[in-house]
Amino acid sequence: MEKVVQMPGSQSNLNSSPAKADQWARLRENWRIFRKNLLGRIGLTLLAMFFLMALFSYVPPMIDPMYNPMTGVDPNVVFAQGPSLTHPLGTDFMGRDILSQLLAGARVAFMVGISAAFMSVFLGVSIGMVAGYMGRFADTFLMRAADMIMVMPTLLVVLMLSSLFGQLNIWTIVLMIALFRWPGVSRVIRAQTLSLKQRPFIDAAKVAGAGHLRIIFRHIMPNVLPLAFLYMTFRVTSAIVIEAALAFLGFGDPGTVSWGMMLQWVWKTGHMFQAPWWLLPPGICISLITLSFYMLGRAMEEILDPRLREETAAG
């Protein structure tokens, strides 16, 4: 009788193939649900438009140094000028192109929003999982720290720090936003972790000899990541708004062209009501990009919550 020789690792490959197929099937099902959601489609379309704006922000300075959003100046323009063939959205009081600044602002918005949201969600997920899994002492200590930070008004505290240390670098602003926006995420992840800790598969992992770190990162984290991604979409909007508010109030990075900085320039130079081509584009962009992430988050919420999906279908 011929003996069958099993190659090393073949059993794990056989076990992993159904799991991978199940993951792909779940992703396809979630994408199908997302495509049916009108808010999700609108949000994704708006987000794609701003992403293209961020990519094209590198093009105008390559065409002509005059279109550099910070240092480029049209020598033929003395004051703020309305839209023209040379400057489709007009110029500011120095003769700088508004369209170039708007494109550069999209790049900064993505950088600030996604970076601050990722860091705050990373902190919130890590602290929430540890608080929910490691016992009463760690839970009490971490959640009281989260409560203290949660009650602090983020914008007001950042403004106070800005007044103490002067103009802030854009990455300093990102870090400060992240440090003040993680407590809400940590509380939700903690509650989810407390529920998961009582599941039979966690007990089975303990019986199999899995350590605490393996249980947290191998068994708990994959189950809370979808919820963390949902909260990340909402954190992006708050980060963009906080950065725009800081820049408008004069506490932003003076070496970075952002939409909030554009609004600060138009206000500071007295063109708020005299140059609508300068005032409206950054304000509209801030509103639309925050709306796009909000719509994306609402669509993700419907995917993650079957009861909400059933209510939407019934309505």
Protein backbone atom coordinates (compact mmCIF):
# COMPACT_ATOMS: atom_id res chain seq x y z
CA MET A 1 0.00 0.00 0.00
CA GLU A 2 1.40 3.33 -1.03
CA LYS A 3 2.16 5.66 1.86
CA VAL A 4 1.00 9.24 1.56
CA VAL A 5 3.64 11.74 2.65
CA GLN A 6 2.27 15.02 3.96
CA MET A 7 4.42 18.05 3.18
CA PRO A 8 5.26 20.34 6.09
CA GLY A 9 2.76 23.14 6.43
CA SER A 10 0.24 21.47 4.10
CA GLN A 11 -2.31 21.07 6.88
CA SER A 12 -2.12 24.75 7.79
CA ASN A 13 -2.54 25.65 4.14
CA LEU A 14 -5.64 23.48 3.94
CA ASN A 15 -7.03 25.09 7.07
CA SER A 16 -6.22 28.63 5.95
CA SER A 17 -7.80 28.30 2.49
CA PRO A 18 -11.41 28.08 3.73
CA ALA A 19 -10.75 30.96 6.12
CA LYS A 20 -9.41 33.12 3.30
CA ALA A 21 -12.33 32.19 1.07
CA ASP A 22 -14.73 33.11 3.88
CA GLN A 23 -12.99 36.48 4.35
CA TRP A 24 -13.24 37.27 0.62
CA ALA A 25 -16.90 36.28 0.61
CA ARG A 26 -17.55 38.59 3.57
CA LEU A 27 -15.72 41.46 1.85
CA ARG A 28 -17.75 40.97 -1.32
CA GLU A 29 -20.97 40.94 0.67
CA ASN A 30 -19.99 44.13 2.53
CA TRP A 31 -19.10 45.84 -0.75
CA ARG A 32 -22.47 44.83 -2.18
CA ILE A 33 -24.24 46.37 0.82
CA PHE A 34 -22.10 49.51 0.55
CA ARG A 35 -22.93 49.98 -3.13
CA LYS A 36 -26.64 49.94 -2.32
CA ASN A 37 -26.19 52.76 0.21
CA LEU A 38 -26.80 56.17 -1.39
CA LEU A 39 -24.93 58.07 1.33
CA GLY A 40 -21.93 55.78 0.93
CA ARG A 41 -21.81 56.27 -2.84
CA ILE A 42 -22.04 60.06 -2.55
CA GLY A 43 -19.40 60.14 0.19
CA LEU A 44 -17.01 57.93 -1.77
CA THR A 45 -17.46 60.08 -4.90
CA LEU A 46 -16.72 63.28 -3.00
CA LEU A 47 -13.75 61.66 -1.32
CA ALA A 48 -12.37 60.52 -4.68
CA MET A 49 -12.72 64.07 -5.99
CA PHE A 50 -10.73 65.51 -3.09
CA PHE A 51 -8.14 62.76 -3.42
CA LEU A 52 -7.63 63.74 -7.07
CA MET A 53 -7.33 67.37 -5.99
CA ALA A 54 -4.60 66.38 -3.53
CA LEU A 55 -2.74 64.48 -6.27
CA PHE A 56 -3.04 67.34 -8.77
CA SER A 57 -1.70 69.82 -6.19
CA TYR A 58 1.81 68.96 -7.40
CA VAL A 59 1.05 69.87 -11.02
CA PRO A 60 0.60 73.71 -11.08
CA PRO A 61 4.04 74.54 -9.56
CA MET A 62 5.63 72.26 -12.16
CA ILE A 63 3.92 74.16 -14.98
CA ASP A 64 5.02 77.58 -13.76
CA PRO A 65 6.61 78.78 -10.46
CA MET A 66 3.94 81.51 -10.50
CA TYR A 67 1.44 78.82 -9.41
CA ASN A 68 3.34 77.87 -6.27
CA PRO A 69 0.64 78.18 -3.57
CA MET A 70 2.94 79.84 -1.04
CA THR A 71 5.64 81.73 -2.91
CA GLY A 72 4.29 82.04 -6.46
CA VAL A 73 3.15 85.55 -7.38
CA ASP A 74 1.73 86.79 -10.69
CA PRO A 75 3.71 90.00 -11.52
CA ASN A 76 0.76 91.34 -13.51
CA VAL A 77 -1.58 91.24 -10.51
CA VAL A 78 -1.32 93.91 -7.83
CA PHE A 79 -4.52 93.36 -5.81
CA ALA A 80 -6.95 90.48 -5.31
CA GLN A 81 -8.36 89.71 -8.75
CA GLY A 82 -11.41 87.69 -9.79
CA PRO A 83 -11.45 84.57 -11.99
CA SER A 84 -9.66 84.76 -15.36
CA LEU A 85 -8.17 82.41 -17.94
CA THR A 86 -4.78 82.59 -16.20
CA HIS A 87 -6.30 82.14 -12.74
CA PRO A 88 -9.60 80.18 -12.96
CA LEU A 89 -10.50 80.92 -9.32
CA GLY A 90 -8.82 84.33 -9.13
CA THR A 91 -5.91 85.48 -6.96
CA ASP A 92 -5.39 86.65 -3.40
CA PHE A 93 -4.14 90.08 -2.30
CA MET A 94 -0.53 89.17 -3.19
CA GLY A 95 -1.34 87.78 -6.63
CA ARG A 96 -1.10 84.12 -5.63
CA ASP A 97 -3.32 81.64 -7.47
CA ILE A 98 -6.41 80.56 -5.47
CA LEU A 99 -6.80 77.27 -7.35
CA SER A 100 -3.24 76.22 -6.49
CA GLN A 101 -3.87 77.04 -2.84
CA LEU A 102 -7.13 75.09 -2.90
CA LEU A 103 -5.41 72.01 -4.33
CA ALA A 104 -2.61 72.27 -1.75
CA GLY A 105 -5.24 72.60 0.98
CA ALA A 106 -6.77 69.28 -0.09
CA ARG A 107 -3.38 67.61 0.39
CA VAL A 108 -3.02 69.14 3.87
CA ALA A 109 -6.59 68.17 4.82
CA PHE A 110 -5.95 64.52 3.94
CA MET A 111 -2.60 64.56 5.74
CA VAL A 112 -3.97 66.14 8.92
CA GLY A 113 -7.29 64.30 8.98
CA ILE A 114 -6.03 60.78 8.27
CA SER A 115 -2.84 61.09 10.36
CA ALA A 116 -4.61 62.50 13.43
CA ALA A 117 -7.49 60.03 13.10
CA PHE A 118 -5.14 57.05 12.70
CA MET A 119 -3.09 58.01 15.75
CA SER A 120 -6.13 58.69 17.93
CA VAL A 121 -7.82 55.44 16.87
CA PHE A 122 -4.56 53.49 17.38
CA LEU A 123 -4.28 54.88 20.93
CA GLY A 124 -7.97 54.35 21.61
CA VAL A 125 -8.00 50.74 20.37
CA SER A 126 -4.80 49.81 22.23
CA ILE A 127 -5.89 51.39 25.52
CA GLY A 128 -9.45 50.10 25.18
CA MET A 129 -8.34 46.49 24.61
CA VAL A 130 -5.89 46.58 27.53
CA ALA A 131 -8.50 48.18 29.83
CA GLY A 132 -11.16 45.66 28.89
CA TYR A 133 -8.96 42.58 29.10
CA MET A 134 -6.34 43.10 31.79
CA GLY A 135 -8.56 43.41 34.87
CA ARG A 136 -10.05 45.93 37.28
CA PHE A 137 -6.90 47.89 38.22
CA ALA A 138 -5.83 48.58 34.63
CA ASP A 139 -9.45 49.23 33.65
CA THR A 140 -10.01 51.78 36.43
CA PHE A 141 -6.71 53.61 35.89
CA LEU A 142 -7.00 53.87 32.10
CA MET A 143 -10.68 54.80 32.06
CA ARG A 144 -10.24 57.53 34.68
CA ALA A 145 -7.44 58.97 32.56
CA ALA A 146 -9.74 58.79 29.54
CA ASP A 147 -12.49 60.57 31.49
CA MET A 148 -10.15 63.40 32.46
CA ILE A 149 -9.05 63.96 28.87
CA MET A 150 -12.58 63.52 27.50
CA VAL A 151 -14.02 66.40 29.53
CA MET A 152 -11.33 68.80 28.29
CA PRO A 153 -12.49 70.99 25.36
CA THR A 154 -9.98 70.03 22.68
CA LEU A 155 -9.99 73.28 20.72
CA LEU A 156 -9.73 75.44 23.84
CA VAL A 157 -6.81 73.46 25.28
CA VAL A 158 -4.96 73.52 21.94
CA LEU A 159 -5.53 77.28 21.72
CA MET A 160 -4.09 77.75 25.21
CA LEU A 161 -1.03 75.68 24.33
CA SER A 162 -0.65 77.61 21.09
CA SER A 163 -0.69 80.92 22.94
CA LEU A 164 2.03 79.60 25.26
CA PHE A 165 4.33 78.12 22.62
CA GLY A 166 3.50 80.39 19.66
CA GLN A 167 2.93 79.17 16.10
CA LEU A 168 2.57 75.40 15.92
CA ASN A 169 4.06 73.09 13.33
CA ILE A 170 1.49 71.13 11.34
CA TRP A 171 2.71 67.81 12.79
CA THR A 172 2.51 69.24 16.31
CA ILE A 173 -1.13 70.11 15.61
CA VAL A 174 -1.75 66.56 14.36
CA LEU A 175 -0.17 65.06 17.49
CA MET A 176 -2.15 67.33 19.82
CA ILE A 177 -5.43 66.49 18.09
CA ALA A 178 -4.65 62.76 18.34
CA LEU A 179 -3.79 62.98 22.05
CA PHE A 180 -7.13 64.62 22.86
CA ARG A 181 -9.41 62.51 20.63
CA TRP A 182 -8.69 58.91 21.71
CA PRO A 183 -10.83 58.58 24.89
CA GLY A 184 -14.17 58.19 23.09
CA VAL A 185 -12.76 55.38 20.94
CA SER A 186 -11.18 53.66 23.94
CA ARG A 187 -14.50 53.49 25.80
CA VAL A 188 -16.30 51.85 22.88
CA ILE A 189 -13.46 49.35 22.30
CA ARG A 190 -13.31 48.58 26.02
CA ALA A 191 -17.01 47.68 26.05
CA GLN A 192 -16.53 45.48 22.99
CA THR A 193 -13.50 43.80 24.58
CA LEU A 194 -15.41 43.07 27.80
CA SER A 195 -18.05 41.32 25.72
CA LEU A 196 -15.52 39.37 23.64
CA LYS A 197 -13.59 38.27 26.73
CA GLN A 198 -16.56 36.16 27.82
CA ARG A 199 -16.83 34.28 24.50
CA PRO A 200 -15.99 30.55 24.33
CA PHE A 201 -13.21 31.00 21.77
CA ILE A 202 -11.26 33.13 24.29
CA ASP A 203 -11.60 30.37 26.90
CA ALA A 204 -10.44 27.85 24.29
CA ALA A 205 -7.39 29.99 23.52
CA LYS A 206 -6.51 30.17 27.23
CA VAL A 207 -6.85 26.39 27.57
CA ALA A 208 -4.58 25.97 24.54
CA GLY A 209 -1.90 27.95 26.37
CA ALA A 210 -2.14 31.28 24.53
CA GLY A 211 -0.63 34.23 26.38
CA HIS A 212 -2.33 37.54 27.07
CA LEU A 213 -0.66 39.36 24.18
CA ARG A 214 -1.56 36.61 21.72
CA ILE A 215 -5.18 36.63 22.86
CA ILE A 216 -5.39 40.44 22.59
CA PHE A 217 -3.76 40.78 19.18
CA ARG A 218 -4.76 37.46 17.61
CA HIS A 219 -8.31 36.96 18.85
CA ILE A 220 -9.70 40.26 20.17
CA MET A 221 -8.17 42.85 17.84
CA PRO A 222 -9.55 41.37 14.56
CA ASN A 223 -13.05 41.57 16.04
CA VAL A 224 -12.80 45.23 17.09
CA LEU A 225 -10.97 46.59 14.01
CA PRO A 226 -14.15 47.09 11.90
CA LEU A 227 -15.61 49.22 14.69
CA ALA A 228 -12.31 51.11 14.97
CA PHE A 229 -12.39 51.85 11.24
CA LEU A 230 -15.91 53.23 11.62
CA TYR A 231 -14.79 55.61 14.35
CA MET A 232 -11.77 56.62 12.30
CA THR A 233 -14.01 58.06 9.58
CA PHE A 234 -15.68 60.30 12.15
CA ARG A 235 -12.35 61.29 13.73
CA VAL A 236 -11.06 62.49 10.35
CA THR A 237 -13.83 65.09 10.14
CA SER A 238 -13.14 66.47 13.61
CA ALA A 239 -9.39 66.66 12.94
CA ILE A 240 -9.93 68.63 9.71
CA VAL A 241 -12.33 71.05 11.41
CA ILE A 242 -10.00 71.60 14.40
CA GLU A 243 -7.01 72.30 12.13
CA ALA A 244 -9.08 74.72 10.03
CA ALA A 245 -10.29 76.51 13.18
CA LEU A 246 -6.75 76.82 14.54
CA ALA A 247 -5.47 78.17 11.23
CA PHE A 248 -8.34 80.65 10.92
CA LEU A 249 -7.69 81.95 14.45
CA GLY A 250 -4.03 82.48 13.59
CA PHE A 251 -2.52 79.51 15.45
CA GLY A 252 -1.85 77.29 12.44
CA ASP A 253 1.42 76.51 10.69
CA PRO A 254 2.35 79.70 8.77
CA GLY A 255 4.50 77.69 6.37
CA THR A 256 1.62 75.47 5.24
CA VAL A 257 -1.21 76.41 2.88
CA SER A 258 -4.43 74.95 4.24
CA TRP A 259 -8.07 75.84 3.75
CA GLY A 260 -8.21 77.31 7.25
CA MET A 261 -5.13 79.42 6.47
CA MET A 262 -6.81 80.69 3.28
CA LEU A 263 -9.82 81.80 5.33
CA GLN A 264 -7.50 83.49 7.81
CA TRP A 265 -5.77 85.41 5.00
CA VAL A 266 -9.04 86.59 3.45
CA TRP A 267 -10.30 87.73 6.87
CA LYS A 268 -7.07 89.38 7.97
CA THR A 269 -6.69 91.40 4.76
CA GLY A 270 -10.27 92.69 4.89
CA HIS A 271 -11.51 90.87 1.76
CA MET A 272 -14.17 88.79 3.52
CA PHE A 273 -17.06 90.52 1.73
CA GLN A 274 -15.14 91.96 -1.24
CA ALA A 275 -13.66 88.75 -2.70
CA PRO A 276 -16.21 85.88 -2.74
CA TRP A 277 -14.02 83.92 -5.19
CA TRP A 278 -11.43 83.80 -2.39
CA LEU A 279 -13.77 83.22 0.55
CA LEU A 280 -16.19 80.59 -0.75
CA PRO A 281 -13.93 77.83 -2.23
CA PRO A 282 -12.06 76.90 0.99
CA GLY A 283 -15.24 77.10 3.07
CA ILE A 284 -17.14 74.89 0.63
CA CYS A 285 -14.26 72.39 0.50
CA ILE A 286 -14.10 72.10 4.30
CA SER A 287 -17.85 71.45 4.41
CA LEU A 288 -17.81 68.89 1.59
CA ILE A 289 -14.81 66.86 2.75
CA THR A 290 -16.19 66.58 6.29
CA LEU A 291 -19.56 65.64 4.80
CA SER A 292 -17.95 62.95 2.64
CA PHE A 293 -16.25 61.26 5.62
CA TYR A 294 -19.48 61.52 7.61
CA MET A 295 -21.46 59.85 4.80
CA LEU A 296 -18.79 57.16 4.53
CA GLY A 297 -19.05 56.53 8.26
CA ARG A 298 -22.84 56.26 8.11
CA ALA A 299 -22.57 53.72 5.30
CA MET A 300 -20.01 51.72 7.30
CA GLU A 301 -22.32 51.85 10.31
CA GLU A 302 -25.06 50.18 8.27
CA ILE A 303 -22.65 47.44 7.19
CA LEU A 304 -21.51 46.74 10.75
CA ASP A 305 -25.00 46.86 12.31
CA PRO A 306 -27.45 44.39 10.70
CA ARG A 307 -30.34 45.80 12.76
CA LEU A 308 -29.79 49.26 11.28
CA ARG A 309 -29.71 47.68 7.82
CA GLU A 310 -33.04 45.95 8.46
CA GLU A 311 -34.61 49.21 9.67
CA THR A 312 -33.39 51.03 6.55
CA ALA A 313 -34.77 48.29 4.30
CA ALA A 314 -38.12 48.34 6.13
CA GLY A 315 -38.33 52.13 5.84
